[in-house]
Amino acid sequence: MLTNQTALITGATKGMGRAIAEKLSQNGCNLLLSARNDDALEALKMELEAHNPAISVRYFACDFSEGDQLEQLIQWVERIASHLDILVNNVGIFKPVSILDESTADFELQMRINYYTPHILSRAVGRNMRKNRRGHIFNISSIASRIPVSSAGTYTVTKYAVRGLTQVLRDELRPFDVKVTEIIPGSTLTSSWEGTTIPADQFILPADIAAAIIACLQMSEGASVDEMVIKPKYGNS
């Protein structure tokens, strides 16, 4: 159980983020949730607290493409949870376009959401975890960080960057008893695959990612999972 611990989850109202929020709440973890839609956050808060009355859920609506809103989120977290235990950098955007054919706007949007956001959040939260000498940062990456997808060029580049960020953070924070884990999903059945005709059993599920995070958190104090690759059993779709 994760009673009395507090986790911040970005991109919390859909897909993997929602599944992670549900699983953490079931394990007694208090939650700070962030996503763009205020109504969706309120609905999720009500649902999670109804099913898990011993926990508290708070939220902050944030458009992660806007740097000033990200800074406001950080200030909010530092004000109400300076001893944050868990950070899950989950928010992301997928654009199936090659580097040569993408627009500058597509490039900048993916860099801001997929890389700048986890970098800036990890820096802010990591400083407090270093001071508190405890905590766990999870970066939700992608199998594209190991196997380039040229048809989604900048998405691939951002996930390689997240891989590097995770490795550097791990080295910096290890002496302060803070763990840093990269979760590396293959094809996952989220809204990105809406309308697909590929059978559901050829995907991993958001709940699988949530289960992986719980497994990492329930290991002994001396164990640290550097990275976890989770692929569909038939291979990537």
Protein backbone atom coordinates (compact mmCIF):
# COMPACT_ATOMS: atom_id res chain seq x y z
CA MET A 1 0.00 0.00 0.00
CA LEU A 2 1.03 3.59 -0.65
CA THR A 3 -0.91 5.15 2.23
CA ASN A 4 0.11 8.73 3.07
CA GLN A 5 2.10 9.07 -0.15
CA THR A 6 1.25 11.69 -2.78
CA ALA A 7 1.68 11.37 -6.54
CA LEU A 8 1.50 13.93 -9.34
CA ILE A 9 0.27 12.53 -12.67
CA THR A 10 0.24 14.53 -15.92
CA GLY A 11 -2.18 13.70 -18.72
CA ALA A 12 -4.31 12.11 -16.02
CA THR A 13 -7.81 11.97 -17.52
CA LYS A 14 -7.27 9.56 -20.43
CA GLY A 15 -5.51 6.35 -21.40
CA MET A 16 -2.41 5.47 -19.42
CA GLY A 17 -2.68 8.49 -17.13
CA ARG A 18 -6.18 7.58 -16.04
CA ALA A 19 -5.26 3.92 -15.51
CA ILE A 20 -2.28 4.98 -13.38
CA ALA A 21 -4.48 7.31 -11.33
CA GLU A 22 -6.98 4.52 -10.73
CA LYS A 23 -4.33 2.00 -9.69
CA LEU A 24 -2.47 4.40 -7.38
CA SER A 25 -5.72 5.43 -5.72
CA GLN A 26 -6.64 1.79 -5.15
CA ASN A 27 -3.34 1.43 -3.32
CA GLY A 28 -4.08 4.31 -0.97
CA CYS A 29 -2.07 7.03 -2.68
CA ASN A 30 -3.22 10.66 -2.56
CA LEU A 31 -3.27 12.24 -5.99
CA LEU A 32 -2.49 15.51 -7.72
CA LEU A 33 -3.89 15.32 -11.24
CA SER A 34 -3.24 17.53 -14.24
CA ALA A 35 -4.64 17.63 -17.76
CA ARG A 36 -6.21 20.26 -20.01
CA ASN A 37 -9.91 19.75 -19.33
CA ASP A 38 -11.20 21.08 -16.03
CA ASP A 39 -14.52 19.22 -16.24
CA ALA A 40 -12.81 15.90 -16.95
CA LEU A 41 -10.49 16.43 -13.99
CA GLU A 42 -13.40 17.20 -11.68
CA ALA A 43 -15.28 14.11 -12.84
CA LEU A 44 -12.22 11.91 -12.31
CA LYS A 45 -11.64 13.38 -8.85
CA MET A 46 -15.22 12.61 -7.83
CA GLU A 47 -14.99 9.05 -9.18
CA LEU A 48 -11.68 8.23 -7.51
CA GLU A 49 -12.68 9.64 -4.13
CA ALA A 50 -16.02 7.83 -4.26
CA HIS A 51 -14.30 4.49 -4.86
CA ASN A 52 -11.42 5.20 -2.44
CA PRO A 53 -12.78 7.39 0.37
CA ALA A 54 -9.56 7.28 2.40
CA ILE A 55 -7.58 9.29 -0.18
CA SER A 56 -7.65 12.90 -1.31
CA VAL A 57 -7.56 13.99 -4.95
CA ARG A 58 -6.73 17.51 -6.08
CA TYR A 59 -6.26 18.79 -9.60
CA PHE A 60 -4.89 21.63 -11.69
CA ALA A 61 -5.99 22.18 -15.28
CA CYS A 62 -2.95 22.83 -17.48
CA ASP A 63 -2.30 23.12 -21.20
CA PHE A 64 1.23 21.74 -21.37
CA SER A 65 1.88 23.49 -24.66
CA GLU A 66 1.85 26.77 -22.73
CA GLY A 67 5.01 27.39 -20.72
CA ASP A 68 3.37 29.84 -18.33
CA GLN A 69 0.70 27.30 -17.41
CA LEU A 70 3.37 24.69 -16.69
CA GLU A 71 5.10 27.15 -14.37
CA GLN A 72 1.78 27.78 -12.60
CA LEU A 73 1.35 24.03 -12.13
CA ILE A 74 4.82 23.79 -10.58
CA GLN A 75 4.06 26.65 -8.19
CA TRP A 76 0.78 24.97 -7.21
CA VAL A 77 2.51 21.65 -6.51
CA GLU A 78 5.26 23.29 -4.47
CA ARG A 79 2.66 25.16 -2.44
CA ILE A 80 0.51 22.15 -1.51
CA ALA A 81 2.92 19.19 -1.76
CA SER A 82 6.51 20.19 -1.12
CA HIS A 83 7.15 16.59 -0.02
CA LEU A 84 5.82 14.96 -3.19
CA ASP A 85 6.60 11.24 -3.23
CA ILE A 86 5.89 10.22 -6.83
CA LEU A 87 5.98 12.04 -10.17
CA VAL A 88 4.54 10.36 -13.26
CA ASN A 89 5.47 12.24 -16.43
CA ASN A 90 2.81 10.78 -18.68
CA VAL A 91 1.44 13.59 -20.85
CA GLY A 92 2.40 13.30 -24.52
CA ILE A 93 1.30 13.90 -28.09
CA PHE A 94 1.79 11.68 -31.14
CA LYS A 95 2.06 13.20 -34.62
CA PRO A 96 2.47 10.64 -37.45
CA VAL A 97 4.50 12.87 -39.73
CA SER A 98 8.08 12.67 -40.98
CA ILE A 99 10.67 15.26 -40.02
CA LEU A 100 11.02 16.44 -43.62
CA ASP A 101 7.29 16.97 -44.06
CA GLU A 102 6.27 18.36 -40.68
CA SER A 103 5.45 21.99 -40.01
CA THR A 104 7.37 24.13 -37.55
CA ALA A 105 4.21 24.25 -35.44
CA ASP A 106 4.06 20.42 -35.27
CA PHE A 107 7.73 20.28 -34.31
CA GLU A 108 7.45 22.89 -31.58
CA LEU A 109 4.26 21.39 -30.11
CA GLN A 110 5.77 17.93 -29.78
CA MET A 111 9.01 19.25 -28.30
CA ARG A 112 7.14 21.36 -25.77
CA ILE A 113 4.73 18.64 -24.60
CA ASN A 114 6.82 15.49 -25.03
CA TYR A 115 10.18 16.79 -23.86
CA TYR A 116 10.14 20.25 -22.28
CA THR A 117 7.30 19.32 -19.93
CA PRO A 118 8.94 16.24 -18.34
CA HIS A 119 12.30 18.02 -18.26
CA ILE A 120 10.98 21.12 -16.48
CA LEU A 121 8.69 19.17 -14.12
CA SER A 122 11.43 16.67 -13.24
CA ARG A 123 13.86 19.51 -12.53
CA ALA A 124 11.45 21.24 -10.16
CA VAL A 125 10.19 18.10 -8.42
CA GLY A 126 13.65 16.51 -8.42
CA ARG A 127 15.10 19.44 -6.47
CA ASN A 128 12.56 18.90 -3.71
CA MET A 129 13.05 15.13 -3.74
CA ARG A 130 16.80 15.68 -3.46
CA LYS A 131 16.24 17.93 -0.44
CA ASN A 132 13.80 15.45 1.13
CA ARG A 133 16.04 12.48 0.24
CA ARG A 134 13.17 10.39 -1.03
CA GLY A 135 10.90 10.01 -4.04
CA HIS A 136 10.36 8.22 -7.33
CA ILE A 137 10.13 9.76 -10.79
CA PHE A 138 8.54 7.80 -13.64
CA ASN A 139 8.97 8.91 -17.24
CA ILE A 140 6.53 7.26 -19.64
CA SER A 141 8.57 6.87 -22.80
CA SER A 142 7.93 4.69 -25.86
CA ILE A 143 9.45 1.80 -27.75
CA ALA A 144 10.19 4.52 -30.34
CA SER A 145 13.03 5.54 -28.03
CA ARG A 146 14.74 2.25 -28.98
CA ILE A 147 13.34 1.52 -32.44
CA PRO A 148 13.04 4.74 -34.50
CA VAL A 149 9.73 5.38 -36.26
CA SER A 150 10.60 7.52 -39.26
CA SER A 151 6.93 8.15 -40.04
CA ALA A 152 6.70 9.90 -36.66
CA GLY A 153 10.08 11.56 -36.72
CA THR A 154 9.94 14.27 -34.07
CA TYR A 155 7.90 12.03 -31.76
CA THR A 156 10.77 9.53 -31.98
CA VAL A 157 13.35 12.23 -31.28
CA THR A 158 11.46 13.45 -28.22
CA LYS A 159 11.32 9.93 -26.80
CA TYR A 160 15.07 9.50 -27.33
CA ALA A 161 15.45 12.75 -25.40
CA VAL A 162 13.25 11.44 -22.58
CA ARG A 163 15.47 8.36 -22.43
CA GLY A 164 18.53 10.59 -21.98
CA LEU A 165 16.75 12.75 -19.43
CA THR A 166 15.85 9.68 -17.39
CA GLN A 167 19.41 8.37 -17.37
CA VAL A 168 20.91 11.70 -16.32
CA LEU A 169 18.30 12.25 -13.61
CA ARG A 170 18.93 8.76 -12.26
CA ASP A 171 22.65 9.44 -11.91
CA GLU A 172 22.07 12.84 -10.31
CA LEU A 173 19.45 11.65 -7.82
CA ARG A 174 20.78 8.22 -6.89
CA PRO A 175 23.03 9.60 -4.09
CA PHE A 176 19.93 11.18 -2.54
CA ASP A 177 17.86 7.96 -2.41
CA VAL A 178 15.56 9.09 -5.22
CA LYS A 179 14.65 6.50 -7.85
CA VAL A 180 14.08 7.28 -11.54
CA THR A 181 12.40 4.76 -13.86
CA GLU A 182 11.67 4.83 -17.58
CA ILE A 183 8.54 2.90 -18.57
CA ILE A 184 8.80 1.94 -22.26
CA PRO A 185 5.48 0.82 -23.77
CA GLY A 186 5.00 -0.71 -27.18
CA SER A 187 1.66 -0.31 -28.98
CA THR A 188 -0.88 0.55 -26.28
CA LEU A 189 -4.63 0.63 -26.81
CA THR A 190 -5.34 4.30 -26.16
CA SER A 191 -7.21 7.01 -28.07
CA SER A 192 -4.25 7.29 -30.44
CA TRP A 193 -5.49 4.03 -32.01
CA GLU A 194 -9.15 5.06 -32.16
CA GLY A 195 -10.85 3.52 -35.20
CA THR A 196 -8.20 0.84 -35.74
CA THR A 197 -9.25 -2.55 -37.08
CA ILE A 198 -6.33 -4.29 -35.34
CA PRO A 199 -7.62 -6.79 -32.74
CA ALA A 200 -7.39 -5.62 -29.13
CA ASP A 201 -5.26 -8.61 -28.11
CA GLN A 202 -2.45 -7.24 -30.30
CA PHE A 203 -2.01 -4.29 -27.95
CA ILE A 204 -0.95 -3.82 -24.38
CA LEU A 205 -3.52 -2.05 -22.21
CA PRO A 206 -3.21 1.16 -20.16
CA ALA A 207 -3.81 -1.01 -17.09
CA ASP A 208 -0.60 -2.90 -17.88
CA ILE A 209 1.39 0.33 -17.61
CA ALA A 210 -0.31 1.15 -14.31
CA ALA A 211 0.51 -2.34 -13.00
CA ALA A 212 4.16 -1.86 -13.97
CA ILE A 213 4.38 1.34 -11.93
CA ILE A 214 2.79 -0.30 -8.90
CA ALA A 215 5.25 -3.20 -9.20
CA CYS A 216 8.18 -0.76 -9.15
CA LEU A 217 6.79 1.11 -6.14
CA GLN A 218 6.23 -2.09 -4.16
CA MET A 219 9.80 -3.33 -4.47
CA SER A 220 12.19 -3.18 -1.52
CA GLU A 221 13.95 0.05 -0.65
CA GLY A 222 17.20 -1.35 -2.02
CA ALA A 223 15.77 -2.27 -5.43
CA SER A 224 15.58 0.18 -8.32
CA VAL A 225 14.05 -0.51 -11.74
CA ASP A 226 16.01 1.53 -14.25
CA GLU A 227 13.71 0.76 -17.15
CA MET A 228 10.87 -1.56 -18.08
CA VAL A 229 10.00 -2.49 -21.68
CA ILE A 230 6.42 -3.72 -22.21
CA LYS A 231 5.47 -4.99 -25.69
CA PRO A 232 2.41 -6.72 -27.12
CA LYS A 233 2.90 -10.49 -27.09
CA TYR A 234 2.63 -10.63 -30.92
CA GLY A 235 5.06 -7.73 -31.40
CA ASN A 236 4.41 -4.08 -32.11
CA SER A 237 1.37 -3.19 -34.24
